[in-house]
PDB file of N, CA and C in Angstrom:
ATOM      1  N   MET A   1    -192.758 149.937  55.628  1.00  0.00           N
ATOM      2  CA  MET A   1    -192.665 148.260  55.637  1.00  0.00           C
ATOM      3  C   MET A   1    -193.282 148.263  57.094  1.00  0.00           C
ATOM      4  N   ALA A   2    -194.247 146.927  57.006  1.00  0.00           N
ATOM      5  CA  ALA A   2    -194.746 146.681  58.630  1.00  0.00           C
ATOM      6  C   ALA A   2    -193.612 145.674  59.468  1.00  0.00           C
ATOM      7  N   VAL A   3    -193.700 145.735  60.727  1.00  0.00           N
ATOM      8  CA  VAL A   3    -192.733 144.960  61.199  1.00  0.00           C
ATOM      9  C   VAL A   3    -193.211 143.672  61.201  1.00  0.00           C
ATOM     10  N   PRO A   4    -192.311 142.621  61.009  1.00  0.00           N
ATOM     11  CA  PRO A   4    -192.597 141.207  60.709  1.00  0.00           C
ATOM     12  C   PRO A   4    -193.158 140.639  61.978  1.00  0.00           C
ATOM     13  N   LYS A   5    -194.040 139.838  61.959  1.00  0.00           N
ATOM     14  CA  LYS A   5    -194.604 139.000  63.109  1.00  0.00           C
ATOM     15  C   LYS A   5    -194.196 137.698  63.140  1.00  0.00           C
ATOM     16  N   GLU A   6    -193.564 136.945  62.167  1.00  0.00           N
ATOM     17  CA  GLU A   6    -193.292 135.581  62.108  1.00  0.00           C
ATOM     18  C   GLU A   6    -191.733 135.759  62.386  1.00  0.00           C
ATOM     19  N   VAL A   7    -191.504 134.238  62.660  1.00  0.00           N
ATOM     20  CA  VAL A   7    -189.937 134.176  62.750  1.00  0.00           C
ATOM     21  C   VAL A   7    -189.106 134.133  61.471  1.00  0.00           C
ATOM     22  N   VAL A   8    -189.837 133.476  60.536  1.00  0.00           N
ATOM     23  CA  VAL A   8    -189.479 133.830  58.959  1.00  0.00           C
ATOM     24  C   VAL A   8    -190.038 134.618  58.535  1.00  0.00           C
ATOM     25  N   TRP A   9    -189.291 135.534  57.984  1.00  0.00           N
ATOM     26  CA  TRP A   9    -189.850 136.733  57.334  1.00  0.00           C
ATOM     27  C   TRP A   9    -189.992 136.674  55.492  1.00  0.00           C
ATOM     28  N   ASP A  10    -190.917 137.403  54.915  1.00  0.00           N
ATOM     29  CA  ASP A  10    -190.797 137.374  53.801  1.00  0.00           C
ATOM     30  C   ASP A  10    -189.541 138.680  53.196  1.00  0.00           C
ATOM     31  N   ARG A  11    -188.819 138.291  52.318  1.00  0.00           N
ATOM     32  CA  ARG A  11    -187.801 139.136  51.764  1.00  0.00           C
ATOM     33  C   ARG A  11    -188.095 140.306  50.811  1.00  0.00           C
ATOM     34  N   ASP A  12    -188.171 141.151  51.013  1.00  0.00           N
ATOM     35  CA  ASP A  12    -188.602 142.360  50.308  1.00  0.00           C
ATOM     36  C   ASP A  12    -187.364 142.814  49.202  1.00  0.00           C
ATOM     37  N   PRO A  13    -187.670 143.428  48.207  1.00  0.00           N
ATOM     38  CA  PRO A  13    -186.803 143.700  46.923  1.00  0.00           C
ATOM     39  C   PRO A  13    -185.511 144.307  47.656  1.00  0.00           C
ATOM     40  N   HIS A  14    -185.743 145.305  48.221  1.00  0.00           N
ATOM     41  CA  HIS A  14    -184.707 146.350  48.917  1.00  0.00           C
ATOM     42  C   HIS A  14    -183.805 145.263  49.833  1.00  0.00           C
ATOM     43  N   THR A  15    -184.130 144.413  50.279  1.00  0.00           N
ATOM     44  CA  THR A  15    -183.496 143.438  51.258  1.00  0.00           C
ATOM     45  C   THR A  15    -182.799 142.514  50.694  1.00  0.00           C
ATOM     46  N   LYS A  16    -183.355 142.003  49.355  1.00  0.00           N
ATOM     47  CA  LYS A  16    -182.509 141.068  48.524  1.00  0.00           C
ATOM     48  C   LYS A  16    -181.264 141.865  47.977  1.00  0.00           C
ATOM     49  N   ALA A  17    -181.379 143.254  47.643  1.00  0.00           N
ATOM     50  CA  ALA A  17    -180.309 144.131  47.192  1.00  0.00           C
ATOM     51  C   ALA A  17    -179.313 144.421  48.195  1.00  0.00           C
ATOM     52  N   LYS A  18    -179.570 144.517  49.567  1.00  0.00           N
ATOM     53  CA  LYS A  18    -178.928 144.694  50.561  1.00  0.00           C
ATOM     54  C   LYS A  18    -178.225 143.196  50.702  1.00  0.00           C
ATOM     55  N   HIS A  19    -178.650 142.345  50.535  1.00  0.00           N
ATOM     56  CA  HIS A  19    -177.913 141.176  50.640  1.00  0.00           C
ATOM     57  C   HIS A  19    -177.137 140.811  49.805  1.00  0.00           C
ATOM     58  N   ASP A  20    -177.193 141.126  48.626  1.00  0.00           N
ATOM     59  CA  ASP A  20    -176.286 140.929  47.279  1.00  0.00           C
ATOM     60  C   ASP A  20    -175.186 141.789  47.685  1.00  0.00           C
ATOM     61  N   LEU A  21    -175.177 142.910  48.254  1.00  0.00           N
ATOM     62  CA  LEU A  21    -174.263 144.319  48.537  1.00  0.00           C
ATOM     63  C   LEU A  21    -173.439 143.517  49.658  1.00  0.00           C
ATOM     64  N   LEU A  22    -174.149 142.949  50.672  1.00  0.00           N
ATOM     65  CA  LEU A  22    -173.323 142.616  51.957  1.00  0.00           C
ATOM     66  C   LEU A  22    -172.549 141.410  51.625  1.00  0.00           C
ATOM     67  N   LYS A  23    -172.974 140.271  50.775  1.00  0.00           N
ATOM     68  CA  LYS A  23    -172.174 139.090  50.362  1.00  0.00           C
ATOM     69  C   LYS A  23    -171.046 139.517  49.747  1.00  0.00           C
ATOM     70  N   ALA A  24    -171.124 140.399  48.645  1.00  0.00           N
ATOM     71  CA  ALA A  24    -170.008 140.903  47.873  1.00  0.00           C
ATOM     72  C   ALA A  24    -169.030 141.759  48.701  1.00  0.00           C
ATOM     73  N   TYR A  25    -169.302 142.345  49.525  1.00  0.00           N
ATOM     74  CA  TYR A  25    -168.514 143.249  50.389  1.00  0.00           C
ATOM     75  C   TYR A  25    -167.856 142.246  51.436  1.00  0.00           C
ATOM     76  N   LEU A  26    -168.586 141.279  52.056  1.00  0.00           N
ATOM     77  CA  LEU A  26    -168.059 140.528  52.880  1.00  0.00           C
ATOM     78  C   LEU A  26    -166.931 139.532  52.316  1.00  0.00           C
ATOM     79  N   ASP A  27    -167.418 139.230  51.035  1.00  0.00           N
ATOM     80  CA  ASP A  27    -166.676 137.905  50.523  1.00  0.00           C
ATOM     81  C   ASP A  27    -165.257 138.860  49.944  1.00  0.00           C
ATOM     82  N   ALA A  28    -165.192 140.029  49.809  1.00  0.00           N
ATOM     83  CA  ALA A  28    -164.021 140.527  49.598  1.00  0.00           C
ATOM     84  C   ALA A  28    -163.221 141.082  50.508  1.00  0.00           C
ATOM     85  N   TRP A  29    -163.852 141.795  51.778  1.00  0.00           N
ATOM     86  CA  TRP A  29    -163.041 142.040  52.734  1.00  0.00           C
ATOM     87  C   TRP A  29    -162.726 141.312  54.044  1.00  0.00           C
ATOM     88  N   PHE A  30    -163.259 140.082  54.265  1.00  0.00           N
ATOM     89  CA  PHE A  30    -163.281 139.506  55.247  1.00  0.00           C
ATOM     90  C   PHE A  30    -161.819 138.759  55.147  1.00  0.00           C
ATOM     91  N   PRO A  31    -161.354 138.258  53.682  1.00  0.00           N
ATOM     92  CA  PRO A  31    -160.041 137.648  53.631  1.00  0.00           C
ATOM     93  C   PRO A  31    -159.014 138.942  53.826  1.00  0.00           C
ATOM     94  N   ILE A  32    -159.183 140.165  53.360  1.00  0.00           N
ATOM     95  CA  ILE A  32    -158.100 141.169  53.631  1.00  0.00           C
ATOM     96  C   ILE A  32    -158.075 141.308  54.924  1.00  0.00           C
ATOM     97  N   MET A  33    -159.244 141.442  55.672  1.00  0.00           N
ATOM     98  CA  MET A  33    -158.884 141.934  57.241  1.00  0.00           C
ATOM     99  C   MET A  33    -158.097 140.678  58.036  1.00  0.00           C
ATOM    100  N   ALA A  34    -158.800 139.425  57.622  1.00  0.00           N
ATOM    101  CA  ALA A  34    -158.112 138.476  58.210  1.00  0.00           C
ATOM    102  C   ALA A  34    -156.609 138.265  58.114  1.00  0.00           C
ATOM    103  N   SER A  35    -156.026 138.561  56.896  1.00  0.00           N
ATOM    104  CA  SER A  35    -154.595 138.530  56.473  1.00  0.00           C
ATOM    105  C   SER A  35    -153.895 139.742  57.280  1.00  0.00           C
ATOM    106  N   GLY A  36    -154.370 140.764  57.633  1.00  0.00           N
ATOM    107  CA  GLY A  36    -154.043 142.188  58.227  1.00  0.00           C
ATOM    108  C   GLY A  36    -153.944 141.932  59.400  1.00  0.00           C
ATOM    109  N   TRP A  37    -155.003 141.010  59.965  1.00  0.00           N
ATOM    110  CA  TRP A  37    -154.929 141.086  61.540  1.00  0.00           C
ATOM    111  C   TRP A  37    -154.752 139.408  62.014  1.00  0.00           C
ATOM    112  N   PRO A  38    -154.332 138.640  61.376  1.00  0.00           N
ATOM    113  CA  PRO A  38    -154.172 137.034  61.894  1.00  0.00           C
ATOM    114  C   PRO A  38    -154.115 137.183  63.494  1.00  0.00           C
ATOM    115  N   SER A  39    -153.111 137.600  64.019  1.00  0.00           N
ATOM    116  CA  SER A  39    -152.861 137.356  65.466  1.00  0.00           C
ATOM    117  C   SER A  39    -154.024 137.981  66.513  1.00  0.00           C
ATOM    118  N   THR A  40    -154.682 139.003  66.141  1.00  0.00           N
ATOM    119  CA  THR A  40    -155.908 139.476  66.675  1.00  0.00           C
ATOM    120  C   THR A  40    -157.362 139.208  66.311  1.00  0.00           C
ATOM    121  N   GLY A  41    -157.445 138.933  64.987  1.00  0.00           N
ATOM    122  CA  GLY A  41    -158.592 138.197  64.377  1.00  0.00           C
ATOM    123  C   GLY A  41    -159.401 139.542  64.124  1.00  0.00           C
ATOM    124  N   ILE A  42    -160.647 139.202  63.767  1.00  0.00           N
ATOM    125  CA  ILE A  42    -161.759 140.344  63.396  1.00  0.00           C
ATOM    126  C   ILE A  42    -162.904 140.272  64.041  1.00  0.00           C
ATOM    127  N   CYS A  43    -163.936 140.970  64.095  1.00  0.00           N
ATOM    128  CA  CYS A  43    -165.101 141.104  64.967  1.00  0.00           C
ATOM    129  C   CYS A  43    -166.316 141.803  63.746  1.00  0.00           C
ATOM    130  N   TYR A  44    -167.316 140.918  63.586  1.00  0.00           N
ATOM    131  CA  TYR A  44    -168.115 141.444  62.629  1.00  0.00           C
ATOM    132  C   TYR A  44    -169.439 141.621  63.289  1.00  0.00           C
ATOM    133  N   VAL A  45    -170.292 142.653  63.662  1.00  0.00           N
ATOM    134  CA  VAL A  45    -171.363 142.712  64.322  1.00  0.00           C
ATOM    135  C   VAL A  45    -172.723 143.155  63.195  1.00  0.00           C
ATOM    136  N   ASP A  46    -173.594 142.197  63.368  1.00  0.00           N
ATOM    137  CA  ASP A  46    -174.827 142.664  62.466  1.00  0.00           C
ATOM    138  C   ASP A  46    -175.718 143.202  63.765  1.00  0.00           C
ATOM    139  N   ALA A  47    -176.013 144.731  63.662  1.00  0.00           N
ATOM    140  CA  ALA A  47    -177.036 145.178  64.869  1.00  0.00           C
ATOM    141  C   ALA A  47    -178.324 144.977  64.326  1.00  0.00           C
ATOM    142  N   PHE A  48    -178.623 144.329  63.107  1.00  0.00           N
ATOM    143  CA  PHE A  48    -179.868 144.348  62.699  1.00  0.00           C
ATOM    144  C   PHE A  48    -180.348 142.964  62.277  1.00  0.00           C
ATOM    145  N   ALA A  49    -179.793 141.706  62.573  1.00  0.00           N
ATOM    146  CA  ALA A  49    -179.627 140.808  62.066  1.00  0.00           C
ATOM    147  C   ALA A  49    -180.786 139.970  61.326  1.00  0.00           C
ATOM    148  N   GLY A  50    -181.895 140.075  61.827  1.00  0.00           N
ATOM    149  CA  GLY A  50    -183.157 139.344  61.328  1.00  0.00           C
ATOM    150  C   GLY A  50    -183.075 138.114  61.392  1.00  0.00           C
ATOM    151  N   PRO A  51    -183.769 137.501  60.540  1.00  0.00           N
ATOM    152  CA  PRO A  51    -183.930 135.813  60.608  1.00  0.00           C
ATOM    153  C   PRO A  51    -182.843 135.231  59.810  1.00  0.00           C
ATOM    154  N   GLY A  52    -182.226 134.032  60.097  1.00  0.00           N
ATOM    155  CA  GLY A  52    -181.204 133.375  59.493  1.00  0.00           C
ATOM    156  C   GLY A  52    -181.927 132.873  57.838  1.00  0.00           C
ATOM    157  N   GLU A  53    -182.908 132.681  57.870  1.00  0.00           N
ATOM    158  CA  GLU A  53    -183.757 132.281  56.634  1.00  0.00           C
ATOM    159  C   GLU A  53    -185.024 133.040  56.290  1.00  0.00           C
ATOM    160  N   HIS A  54    -185.386 133.169  54.835  1.00  0.00           N
ATOM    161  CA  HIS A  54    -186.639 134.171  54.688  1.00  0.00           C
ATOM    162  C   HIS A  54    -187.481 133.052  54.118  1.00  0.00           C
ATOM    163  N   SER A  55    -188.831 133.484  54.144  1.00  0.00           N
ATOM    164  CA  SER A  55    -190.189 132.517  53.848  1.00  0.00           C
ATOM    165  C   SER A  55    -189.674 132.004  52.547  1.00  0.00           C
ATOM    166  N   ASP A  56    -188.990 132.470  51.554  1.00  0.00           N
ATOM    167  CA  ASP A  56    -188.910 131.971  49.919  1.00  0.00           C
ATOM    168  C   ASP A  56    -187.536 131.182  50.004  1.00  0.00           C
ATOM    169  N   ALA A  57    -186.754 130.935  51.118  1.00  0.00           N
ATOM    170  CA  ALA A  57    -185.698 129.785  51.409  1.00  0.00           C
ATOM    171  C   ALA A  57    -184.480 130.617  51.149  1.00  0.00           C
ATOM    172  N   SER A  58    -184.452 131.887  51.183  1.00  0.00           N
ATOM    173  CA  SER A  58    -183.188 132.634  50.930  1.00  0.00           C
ATOM    174  C   SER A  58    -182.573 132.885  52.437  1.00  0.00           C
ATOM    175  N   VAL A  59    -181.319 132.800  52.121  1.00  0.00           N
ATOM    176  CA  VAL A  59    -180.699 133.357  53.409  1.00  0.00           C
ATOM    177  C   VAL A  59    -180.535 134.635  53.941  1.00  0.00           C
ATOM    178  N   GLY A  60    -180.518 134.871  55.043  1.00  0.00           N
ATOM    179  CA  GLY A  60    -180.551 136.151  55.728  1.00  0.00           C
ATOM    180  C   GLY A  60    -178.995 136.994  56.067  1.00  0.00           C
ATOM    181  N   SER A  61    -178.914 137.925  56.547  1.00  0.00           N
ATOM    182  CA  SER A  61    -177.631 138.314  56.628  1.00  0.00           C
ATOM    183  C   SER A  61    -176.981 137.681  57.572  1.00  0.00           C
ATOM    184  N   PRO A  62    -177.278 136.929  58.575  1.00  0.00           N
ATOM    185  CA  PRO A  62    -176.565 135.941  59.698  1.00  0.00           C
ATOM    186  C   PRO A  62    -175.997 134.956  58.870  1.00  0.00           C
ATOM    187  N   ILE A  63    -176.652 134.292  58.140  1.00  0.00           N
ATOM    188  CA  ILE A  63    -176.001 133.170  57.278  1.00  0.00           C
ATOM    189  C   ILE A  63    -175.126 133.578  56.209  1.00  0.00           C
ATOM    190  N   ILE A  64    -175.267 134.893  55.546  1.00  0.00           N
ATOM    191  CA  ILE A  64    -174.196 135.499  54.659  1.00  0.00           C
ATOM    192  C   ILE A  64    -173.089 135.851  55.189  1.00  0.00           C
ATOM    193  N   ALA A  65    -172.923 136.266  56.509  1.00  0.00           N
ATOM    194  CA  ALA A  65    -171.820 136.459  57.170  1.00  0.00           C
ATOM    195  C   ALA A  65    -171.132 135.326  57.722  1.00  0.00           C
ATOM    196  N   LEU A  66    -171.816 134.387  58.010  1.00  0.00           N
ATOM    197  CA  LEU A  66    -171.283 133.104  58.568  1.00  0.00           C
ATOM    198  C   LEU A  66    -170.410 132.450  57.400  1.00  0.00           C
ATOM    199  N   ASP A  67    -171.170 132.371  56.169  1.00  0.00           N
ATOM    200  CA  ASP A  67    -170.563 131.835  55.134  1.00  0.00           C
ATOM    201  C   ASP A  67    -169.255 132.450  54.578  1.00  0.00           C
ATOM    202  N   ALA A  68    -169.328 133.682  54.424  1.00  0.00           N
ATOM    203  CA  ALA A  68    -168.386 134.750  54.368  1.00  0.00           C
ATOM    204  C   ALA A  68    -167.025 134.499  55.121  1.00  0.00           C
ATOM    205  N   ALA A  69    -167.331 134.080  56.548  1.00  0.00           N
ATOM    206  CA  ALA A  69    -166.250 134.042  57.471  1.00  0.00           C
ATOM    207  C   ALA A  69    -165.629 132.683  57.488  1.00  0.00           C
ATOM    208  N   CYS A  70    -166.360 131.570  57.046  1.00  0.00           N
ATOM    209  CA  CYS A  70    -166.035 130.346  56.764  1.00  0.00           C
ATOM    210  C   CYS A  70    -165.179 129.966  55.482  1.00  0.00           C
ATOM    211  N   ARG A  71    -165.052 131.030  54.665  1.00  0.00           N
ATOM    212  CA  ARG A  71    -164.446 130.907  53.372  1.00  0.00           C
ATOM    213  C   ARG A  71    -162.945 130.408  53.691  1.00  0.00           C
ATOM    214  N   SER A  72    -162.225 129.518  52.911  1.00  0.00           N
ATOM    215  CA  SER A  72    -160.864 129.155  53.117  1.00  0.00           C
ATOM    216  C   SER A  72    -159.948 130.482  52.985  1.00  0.00           C
ATOM    217  N   GLU A  73    -160.100 131.269  52.163  1.00  0.00           N
ATOM    218  CA  GLU A  73    -159.284 132.712  52.093  1.00  0.00           C
ATOM    219  C   GLU A  73    -159.287 133.384  53.279  1.00  0.00           C
ATOM    220  N   VAL A  74    -160.330 133.147  54.351  1.00  0.00           N
ATOM    221  CA  VAL A  74    -160.406 133.764  55.649  1.00  0.00           C
ATOM    222  C   VAL A  74    -159.474 132.944  56.456  1.00  0.00           C
ATOM    223  N   ASN A  75    -159.346 131.793  56.346  1.00  0.00           N
ATOM    224  CA  ASN A  75    -158.682 131.046  57.552  1.00  0.00           C
ATOM    225  C   ASN A  75    -157.185 130.794  57.186  1.00  0.00           C
ATOM    226  N   GLN A  76    -156.669 131.372  56.065  1.00  0.00           N
ATOM    227  CA  GLN A  76    -155.255 131.189  55.738  1.00  0.00           C
ATOM    228  C   GLN A  76    -154.444 132.420  55.931  1.00  0.00           C
ATOM    229  N   PRO A  77    -153.545 132.702  56.861  1.00  0.00           N
ATOM    230  CA  PRO A  77    -153.476 131.998  58.073  1.00  0.00           C
ATOM    231  C   PRO A  77    -154.602 131.952  59.169  1.00  0.00           C
ATOM    232  N   PRO A  78    -154.507 130.951  59.907  1.00  0.00           N
ATOM    233  CA  PRO A  78    -155.833 131.005  60.764  1.00  0.00           C
ATOM    234  C   PRO A  78    -156.069 132.302  61.435  1.00  0.00           C
ATOM    235  N   THR A  79    -157.138 132.649  61.373  1.00  0.00           N
ATOM    236  CA  THR A  79    -157.658 133.856  61.902  1.00  0.00           C
ATOM    237  C   THR A  79    -158.940 133.735  62.761  1.00  0.00           C
ATOM    238  N   GLU A  80    -159.083 133.963  64.263  1.00  0.00           N
ATOM    239  CA  GLU A  80    -160.256 133.925  64.730  1.00  0.00           C
ATOM    240  C   GLU A  80    -161.089 135.086  64.368  1.00  0.00           C
ATOM    241  N   VAL A  81    -162.479 134.254  64.102  1.00  0.00           N
ATOM    242  CA  VAL A  81    -163.462 135.690  63.374  1.00  0.00           C
ATOM    243  C   VAL A  81    -164.441 135.461  64.362  1.00  0.00           C
ATOM    244  N   ARG A  82    -164.855 136.520  65.085  1.00  0.00           N
ATOM    245  CA  ARG A  82    -166.146 136.733  66.145  1.00  0.00           C
ATOM    246  C   ARG A  82    -167.345 137.167  65.166  1.00  0.00           C
ATOM    247  N   LEU A  83    -168.121 136.644  65.454  1.00  0.00           N
ATOM    248  CA  LEU A  83    -169.576 137.206  64.615  1.00  0.00           C
ATOM    249  C   LEU A  83    -170.429 137.431  65.802  1.00  0.00           C
ATOM    250  N   ILE A  84    -171.212 138.630  65.923  1.00  0.00           N
ATOM    251  CA  ILE A  84    -172.090 138.799  66.917  1.00  0.00           C
ATOM    252  C   ILE A  84    -173.443 139.359  66.123  1.00  0.00           C
ATOM    253  N   PHE A  85    -174.299 138.814  66.508  1.00  0.00           N
ATOM    254  CA  PHE A  85    -175.635 139.014  65.846  1.00  0.00           C
ATOM    255  C   PHE A  85    -176.582 139.476  66.971  1.00  0.00           C
ATOM    256  N   VAL A  86    -177.282 141.012  66.689  1.00  0.00           N
ATOM    257  CA  VAL A  86    -178.284 141.357  67.401  1.00  0.00           C
ATOM    258  C   VAL A  86    -179.593 141.393  66.939  1.00  0.00           C
ATOM    259  N   GLU A  87    -180.533 141.126  67.409  1.00  0.00           N
ATOM    260  CA  GLU A  87    -182.053 141.160  66.897  1.00  0.00           C
ATOM    261  C   GLU A  87    -182.843 141.557  68.166  1.00  0.00           C
ATOM    262  N   LYS A  88    -183.917 142.265  67.652  1.00  0.00           N
ATOM    263  CA  LYS A  88    -184.683 142.866  68.794  1.00  0.00           C
ATOM    264  C   LYS A  88    -185.835 141.529  69.290  1.00  0.00           C
ATOM    265  N   GLU A  89    -186.195 140.832  68.326  1.00  0.00           N
ATOM    266  CA  GLU A  89    -186.926 139.514  68.497  1.00  0.00           C
ATOM    267  C   GLU A  89    -186.161 138.714  69.966  1.00  0.00           C
ATOM    268  N   PRO A  90    -187.144 138.413  70.634  1.00  0.00           N
ATOM    269  CA  PRO A  90    -186.570 137.828  71.967  1.00  0.00           C
ATOM    270  C   PRO A  90    -186.164 136.191  71.652  1.00  0.00           C
ATOM    271  N   LYS A  91    -186.880 135.736  70.648  1.00  0.00           N
ATOM    272  CA  LYS A  91    -186.427 133.953  70.199  1.00  0.00           C
ATOM    273  C   LYS A  91    -186.035 134.035  68.916  1.00  0.00           C
ATOM    274  N   PRO A  92    -184.717 134.691  68.566  1.00  0.00           N
ATOM    275  CA  PRO A  92    -184.317 134.614  67.239  1.00  0.00           C
ATOM    276  C   PRO A  92    -183.892 132.917  66.715  1.00  0.00           C
ATOM    277  N   ARG A  93    -184.258 132.628  65.742  1.00  0.00           N
ATOM    278  CA  ARG A  93    -184.062 131.352  65.166  1.00  0.00           C
ATOM    279  C   ARG A  93    -183.388 131.391  64.073  1.00  0.00           C
ATOM    280  N   LEU A  94    -181.996 130.761  64.014  1.00  0.00           N
ATOM    281  CA  LEU A  94    -181.261 130.228  62.878  1.00  0.00           C
ATOM    282  C   LEU A  94    -181.901 128.910  62.140  1.00  0.00           C
ATOM    283  N   VAL A  95    -181.705 129.034  60.910  1.00  0.00           N
ATOM    284  CA  VAL A  95    -181.868 127.433  60.561  1.00  0.00           C
ATOM    285  C   VAL A  95    -180.798 126.786  60.508  1.00  0.00           C
ATOM    286  N   SER A  96    -180.838 125.650  60.594  1.00  0.00           N
ATOM    287  CA  SER A  96    -179.448 124.842  60.654  1.00  0.00           C
ATOM    288  C   SER A  96    -178.840 125.098  59.427  1.00  0.00           C
ATOM    289  N   HIS A  97    -177.599 125.276  58.892  1.00  0.00           N
ATOM    290  CA  HIS A  97    -176.944 125.682  57.689  1.00  0.00           C
ATOM    291  C   HIS A  97    -175.755 124.799  57.588  1.00  0.00           C
ATOM    292  N   GLN A  98    -175.727 124.483  56.141  1.00  0.00           N
ATOM    293  CA  GLN A  98    -174.549 123.843  56.052  1.00  0.00           C
ATOM    294  C   GLN A  98    -173.443 124.763  55.318  1.00  0.00           C
ATOM    295  N   VAL A  99    -172.318 124.898  55.951  1.00  0.00           N
ATOM    296  CA  VAL A  99    -171.299 125.823  55.525  1.00  0.00           C
ATOM    297  C   VAL A  99    -170.443 125.232  54.409  1.00  0.00           C
ATOM    298  N   VAL A 100    -170.321 126.117  53.165  1.00  0.00           N
ATOM    299  CA  VAL A 100    -169.620 125.690  52.214  1.00  0.00           C
ATOM    300  C   VAL A 100    -168.288 126.069  52.001  1.00  0.00           C
TER     301      VAL A 100
END
């Protein structure tokens, strides 16, 4: 796979599969971890964050993690969730996103 040159990348089929797995994993585990450590909180690091949006308007891994962290099951009881997104690109761009 070639290194993307644009801020918003095309999403390859293997990336879609990765995002589907990531969403299922975080939707299941964020509530479990938050309930287990409500006083210390949890920290999620995405070391290869990529764009927040792809050229087909699908969301990237930073938005998938943000959506999972903002679900009501994660915030009952209130738990601090820290999200760290690392990307090689010097000017990363996350699209504005409505958390549901």
